[in-house]
Amino acid sequence: MAHILGTLEQAAQHSQTQDAVPVPGAFGPMGIRLVYINGHDGNLLNIGGLFNLHWNVDGIADNTSPDSQIIFELWRNSKSKQYFVRLIYRAQTIDQLRSSQPRTLANPPAEVYLTPAGCRAGRPCPFTTFVQAANAALDPVYINPNLLPTQIAPPSL
């Protein structure tokens, strides 16, 4: 999660100033507009637990079906210039899984908008609020900012 937070911070910083510097541990170079991180259902559950996020697809709460995702979107208000984060849980429905239905615009996966701690349901979360919630939830003992995103943390952490 520290890498995801750093990636969002780097994106916000880069678009605000030409003097932006890379954020240690961020995924991707400065100026990148899309980052895709592949993980496991346990990773999704850990992120959900970290932010006390909950979702319900097909009447099943907090399940992580195959190919499910948590999407972190960073938005900037063109008038106020403030940044906001929107989190979305996306997953195939049980019927889509059982019948191997292809995902199309006419047959999309289910989407649930998530509300991180400190944010209001149904509204984009102010980025500063999201950063505060993330930093409060992360234990710096387990964060190595110099670790490359493709490396695995050593057991001594």
C-alpha atoms as a PDB file:
ATOM      1  CA  MET A   1       0.000   0.000   0.000  1.00  0.00           C
ATOM      2  CA  ALA A   2       2.918   2.357   0.628  1.00  0.00           C
ATOM      3  CA  HIS A   3       3.945   1.924  -3.029  1.00  0.00           C
ATOM      4  CA  ILE A   4       0.404   2.695  -4.217  1.00  0.00           C
ATOM      5  CA  LEU A   5       0.272   5.798  -2.012  1.00  0.00           C
ATOM      6  CA  GLY A   6       3.671   6.924  -3.309  1.00  0.00           C
ATOM      7  CA  THR A   7       2.500   6.410  -6.890  1.00  0.00           C
ATOM      8  CA  LEU A   8      -0.568   8.585  -6.306  1.00  0.00           C
ATOM      9  CA  GLU A   9       1.537  11.253  -4.568  1.00  0.00           C
ATOM     10  CA  GLN A  10       4.028  11.237  -7.441  1.00  0.00           C
ATOM     11  CA  ALA A  11       1.218  11.702  -9.985  1.00  0.00           C
ATOM     12  CA  ALA A  12      -0.273  14.614  -8.040  1.00  0.00           C
ATOM     13  CA  GLN A  13       3.113  16.260  -7.528  1.00  0.00           C
ATOM     14  CA  HIS A  14       4.132  15.843 -11.174  1.00  0.00           C
ATOM     15  CA  SER A  15       1.047  17.576 -12.523  1.00  0.00           C
ATOM     16  CA  GLN A  16       1.427  20.523 -10.127  1.00  0.00           C
ATOM     17  CA  THR A  17       5.013  21.538 -10.862  1.00  0.00           C
ATOM     18  CA  GLN A  18       7.730  21.103 -13.420  1.00  0.00           C
ATOM     19  CA  ASP A  19      10.266  20.721 -10.566  1.00  0.00           C
ATOM     20  CA  ALA A  20       8.697  17.479  -9.344  1.00  0.00           C
ATOM     21  CA  VAL A  21      11.042  14.711  -8.252  1.00  0.00           C
ATOM     22  CA  PRO A  22      10.309  10.966  -8.233  1.00  0.00           C
ATOM     23  CA  VAL A  23       8.775   9.632  -5.026  1.00  0.00           C
ATOM     24  CA  PRO A  24      10.845   6.749  -3.577  1.00  0.00           C
ATOM     25  CA  GLY A  25       9.018   3.453  -4.003  1.00  0.00           C
ATOM     26  CA  ALA A  26       6.435   4.787  -6.480  1.00  0.00           C
ATOM     27  CA  PHE A  27       5.478   2.489  -9.329  1.00  0.00           C
ATOM     28  CA  GLY A  28       6.515   3.835 -12.716  1.00  0.00           C
ATOM     29  CA  PRO A  29       8.332   6.930 -13.906  1.00  0.00           C
ATOM     30  CA  MET A  30       7.257  10.550 -13.478  1.00  0.00           C
ATOM     31  CA  GLY A  31       4.388  11.531 -15.764  1.00  0.00           C
ATOM     32  CA  ILE A  32       2.922   8.065 -16.199  1.00  0.00           C
ATOM     33  CA  ARG A  33      -0.867   8.204 -16.388  1.00  0.00           C
ATOM     34  CA  LEU A  34      -1.840   4.578 -15.803  1.00  0.00           C
ATOM     35  CA  VAL A  35      -0.362   1.985 -13.470  1.00  0.00           C
ATOM     36  CA  TYR A  36      -1.689  -1.564 -13.314  1.00  0.00           C
ATOM     37  CA  ILE A  37      -0.660  -3.684 -10.339  1.00  0.00           C
ATOM     38  CA  ASN A  38      -1.472  -7.367 -10.379  1.00  0.00           C
ATOM     39  CA  GLY A  39      -1.989  -9.147  -7.093  1.00  0.00           C
ATOM     40  CA  HIS A  40      -3.877 -11.915  -5.362  1.00  0.00           C
ATOM     41  CA  ASP A  41      -7.231 -11.988  -3.613  1.00  0.00           C
ATOM     42  CA  GLY A  42      -5.351 -11.836  -0.300  1.00  0.00           C
ATOM     43  CA  ASN A  43      -3.797  -8.526  -1.384  1.00  0.00           C
ATOM     44  CA  LEU A  44      -7.271  -7.110  -2.061  1.00  0.00           C
ATOM     45  CA  LEU A  45      -8.507  -8.291   1.321  1.00  0.00           C
ATOM     46  CA  ASN A  46      -5.468  -6.758   3.039  1.00  0.00           C
ATOM     47  CA  ILE A  47      -6.045  -3.392   1.348  1.00  0.00           C
ATOM     48  CA  GLY A  48      -9.745  -3.624   2.201  1.00  0.00           C
ATOM     49  CA  GLY A  49      -8.895  -4.339   5.824  1.00  0.00           C
ATOM     50  CA  LEU A  50      -6.335  -1.562   5.988  1.00  0.00           C
ATOM     51  CA  PHE A  51      -8.938   1.029   4.937  1.00  0.00           C
ATOM     52  CA  ASN A  52     -11.989  -0.703   6.448  1.00  0.00           C
ATOM     53  CA  LEU A  53     -13.462  -1.061   2.945  1.00  0.00           C
ATOM     54  CA  HIS A  54     -16.487  -3.240   2.267  1.00  0.00           C
ATOM     55  CA  TRP A  55     -18.204  -4.349  -0.932  1.00  0.00           C
ATOM     56  CA  ASN A  56     -21.139  -6.529  -1.866  1.00  0.00           C
ATOM     57  CA  VAL A  57     -21.444  -8.279  -5.243  1.00  0.00           C
ATOM     58  CA  ASP A  58     -24.299 -10.722  -5.871  1.00  0.00           C
ATOM     59  CA  GLY A  59     -25.318 -10.522  -2.218  1.00  0.00           C
ATOM     60  CA  ILE A  60     -21.912 -11.739  -1.030  1.00  0.00           C
ATOM     61  CA  ALA A  61     -20.054  -9.312   1.203  1.00  0.00           C
ATOM     62  CA  ASP A  62     -16.298  -8.742   0.948  1.00  0.00           C
ATOM     63  CA  ASN A  63     -15.678 -11.702  -1.365  1.00  0.00           C
ATOM     64  CA  THR A  64     -12.800 -11.500  -3.830  1.00  0.00           C
ATOM     65  CA  SER A  65     -13.794 -13.501  -6.865  1.00  0.00           C
ATOM     66  CA  PRO A  66     -11.291 -14.367  -9.630  1.00  0.00           C
ATOM     67  CA  ASP A  67     -10.099 -11.334 -11.588  1.00  0.00           C
ATOM     68  CA  SER A  68     -11.527  -8.868  -9.069  1.00  0.00           C
ATOM     69  CA  GLN A  69      -9.836  -5.495  -8.635  1.00  0.00           C
ATOM     70  CA  ILE A  70      -9.566  -2.480  -6.383  1.00  0.00           C
ATOM     71  CA  ILE A  71      -9.100   0.577  -8.561  1.00  0.00           C
ATOM     72  CA  PHE A  72      -7.470   3.750  -7.250  1.00  0.00           C
ATOM     73  CA  GLU A  73      -8.342   6.782  -9.388  1.00  0.00           C
ATOM     74  CA  LEU A  74      -6.709  10.179  -8.878  1.00  0.00           C
ATOM     75  CA  TRP A  75      -8.813  13.095 -10.091  1.00  0.00           C
ATOM     76  CA  ARG A  76      -8.107  16.828 -10.149  1.00  0.00           C
ATOM     77  CA  ASN A  77     -10.870  19.413  -9.944  1.00  0.00           C
ATOM     78  CA  SER A  78     -10.242  21.840 -12.814  1.00  0.00           C
ATOM     79  CA  LYS A  79     -11.624  24.814 -10.868  1.00  0.00           C
ATOM     80  CA  SER A  80     -10.236  24.309  -7.361  1.00  0.00           C
ATOM     81  CA  LYS A  81      -7.101  22.399  -8.538  1.00  0.00           C
ATOM     82  CA  GLN A  82      -7.639  20.047  -5.575  1.00  0.00           C
ATOM     83  CA  TYR A  83      -7.051  16.316  -5.942  1.00  0.00           C
ATOM     84  CA  PHE A  84      -9.509  13.590  -5.070  1.00  0.00           C
ATOM     85  CA  VAL A  85      -9.264   9.807  -4.885  1.00  0.00           C
ATOM     86  CA  ARG A  86     -11.999   7.438  -5.936  1.00  0.00           C
ATOM     87  CA  LEU A  87     -11.804   3.743  -5.037  1.00  0.00           C
ATOM     88  CA  ILE A  88     -13.817   1.155  -6.928  1.00  0.00           C
ATOM     89  CA  TYR A  89     -14.143  -2.582  -6.387  1.00  0.00           C
ATOM     90  CA  ARG A  90     -14.767  -4.388  -9.691  1.00  0.00           C
ATOM     91  CA  ALA A  91     -15.604  -8.081 -10.076  1.00  0.00           C
ATOM     92  CA  GLN A  92     -17.385 -10.539 -12.316  1.00  0.00           C
ATOM     93  CA  THR A  93     -20.791 -11.647 -11.091  1.00  0.00           C
ATOM     94  CA  ILE A  94     -21.347 -15.291 -10.222  1.00  0.00           C
ATOM     95  CA  ASP A  95     -23.408 -15.769 -13.404  1.00  0.00           C
ATOM     96  CA  GLN A  96     -20.620 -14.243 -15.496  1.00  0.00           C
ATOM     97  CA  LEU A  97     -18.103 -16.601 -13.888  1.00  0.00           C
ATOM     98  CA  ARG A  98     -20.254 -19.733 -14.186  1.00  0.00           C
ATOM     99  CA  SER A  99     -21.104 -19.220 -17.843  1.00  0.00           C
ATOM    100  CA  SER A 100     -17.724 -17.753 -18.878  1.00  0.00           C
ATOM    101  CA  GLN A 101     -19.469 -14.739 -20.333  1.00  0.00           C
ATOM    102  CA  PRO A 102     -17.099 -12.289 -21.983  1.00  0.00           C
ATOM    103  CA  ARG A 103     -16.926  -8.829 -20.439  1.00  0.00           C
ATOM    104  CA  THR A 104     -18.216  -6.211 -22.871  1.00  0.00           C
ATOM    105  CA  LEU A 105     -19.725  -2.747 -22.640  1.00  0.00           C
ATOM    106  CA  ALA A 106     -23.138  -4.430 -22.740  1.00  0.00           C
ATOM    107  CA  ASN A 107     -22.092  -7.028 -20.132  1.00  0.00           C
ATOM    108  CA  PRO A 108     -19.695  -5.258 -17.757  1.00  0.00           C
ATOM    109  CA  PRO A 109     -18.428  -6.578 -14.426  1.00  0.00           C
ATOM    110  CA  ALA A 110     -20.095  -5.366 -11.239  1.00  0.00           C
ATOM    111  CA  GLU A 111     -18.682  -2.161  -9.719  1.00  0.00           C
ATOM    112  CA  VAL A 112     -18.973  -0.937  -6.144  1.00  0.00           C
ATOM    113  CA  TYR A 113     -17.720   2.489  -5.091  1.00  0.00           C
ATOM    114  CA  LEU A 114     -15.731   2.253  -1.866  1.00  0.00           C
ATOM    115  CA  THR A 115     -15.485   4.750   0.973  1.00  0.00           C
ATOM    116  CA  PRO A 116     -12.068   4.985   2.675  1.00  0.00           C
ATOM    117  CA  ALA A 117     -11.839   5.995   6.338  1.00  0.00           C
ATOM    118  CA  GLY A 118     -12.497   9.693   6.893  1.00  0.00           C
ATOM    119  CA  CYS A 119     -14.328  10.113   3.576  1.00  0.00           C
ATOM    120  CA  ARG A 120     -18.021  10.586   2.815  1.00  0.00           C
ATOM    121  CA  ALA A 121     -19.961   7.818   1.074  1.00  0.00           C
ATOM    122  CA  GLY A 122     -20.928   8.591  -2.501  1.00  0.00           C
ATOM    123  CA  ARG A 123     -18.381  11.402  -2.839  1.00  0.00           C
ATOM    124  CA  PRO A 124     -14.817  11.476  -4.106  1.00  0.00           C
ATOM    125  CA  CYS A 125     -12.379  11.501  -1.190  1.00  0.00           C
ATOM    126  CA  PRO A 126     -10.130  14.565  -0.845  1.00  0.00           C
ATOM    127  CA  PHE A 127      -6.600  13.368  -1.541  1.00  0.00           C
ATOM    128  CA  THR A 128      -5.244  14.975   1.632  1.00  0.00           C
ATOM    129  CA  THR A 129      -7.823  13.031   3.684  1.00  0.00           C
ATOM    130  CA  PHE A 130      -6.895   9.801   1.898  1.00  0.00           C
ATOM    131  CA  VAL A 131      -3.168  10.391   2.508  1.00  0.00           C
ATOM    132  CA  GLN A 132      -3.817  11.019   6.215  1.00  0.00           C
ATOM    133  CA  ALA A 133      -5.889   7.820   6.508  1.00  0.00           C
ATOM    134  CA  ALA A 134      -3.256   5.799   4.638  1.00  0.00           C
ATOM    135  CA  ASN A 135      -0.373   7.140   6.712  1.00  0.00           C
ATOM    136  CA  ALA A 136      -2.302   6.450   9.931  1.00  0.00           C
ATOM    137  CA  ALA A 137      -2.927   2.847   8.826  1.00  0.00           C
ATOM    138  CA  LEU A 138       0.591   2.094   7.577  1.00  0.00           C
ATOM    139  CA  ASP A 139       3.277   0.986  10.012  1.00  0.00           C
ATOM    140  CA  PRO A 140       6.588   2.608   8.959  1.00  0.00           C
ATOM    141  CA  VAL A 141       8.519  -0.313  10.468  1.00  0.00           C
ATOM    142  CA  TYR A 142       7.363  -2.439   7.514  1.00  0.00           C
ATOM    143  CA  ILE A 143       8.026   0.136   4.793  1.00  0.00           C
ATOM    144  CA  ASN A 144      11.285   0.273   2.879  1.00  0.00           C
ATOM    145  CA  PRO A 145      11.045   3.335   0.599  1.00  0.00           C
ATOM    146  CA  ASN A 146      14.224   2.294  -1.238  1.00  0.00           C
ATOM    147  CA  LEU A 147      12.784  -1.087  -2.180  1.00  0.00           C
ATOM    148  CA  LEU A 148      12.089  -1.254  -5.889  1.00  0.00           C
ATOM    149  CA  PRO A 149       8.430  -2.069  -6.627  1.00  0.00           C
ATOM    150  CA  THR A 150       9.510  -5.290  -8.345  1.00  0.00           C
ATOM    151  CA  GLN A 151      11.534  -6.521  -5.353  1.00  0.00           C
ATOM    152  CA  ILE A 152      10.272  -8.603  -2.479  1.00  0.00           C
ATOM    153  CA  ALA A 153      10.857  -7.230   1.001  1.00  0.00           C
ATOM    154  CA  PRO A 154      13.538  -9.134   2.897  1.00  0.00           C
ATOM    155  CA  PRO A 155      12.357 -11.260   5.846  1.00  0.00           C
ATOM    156  CA  SER A 156      14.197  -8.999   8.319  1.00  0.00           C
ATOM    157  CA  LEU A 157      11.526  -6.306   7.928  1.00  0.00           C
END
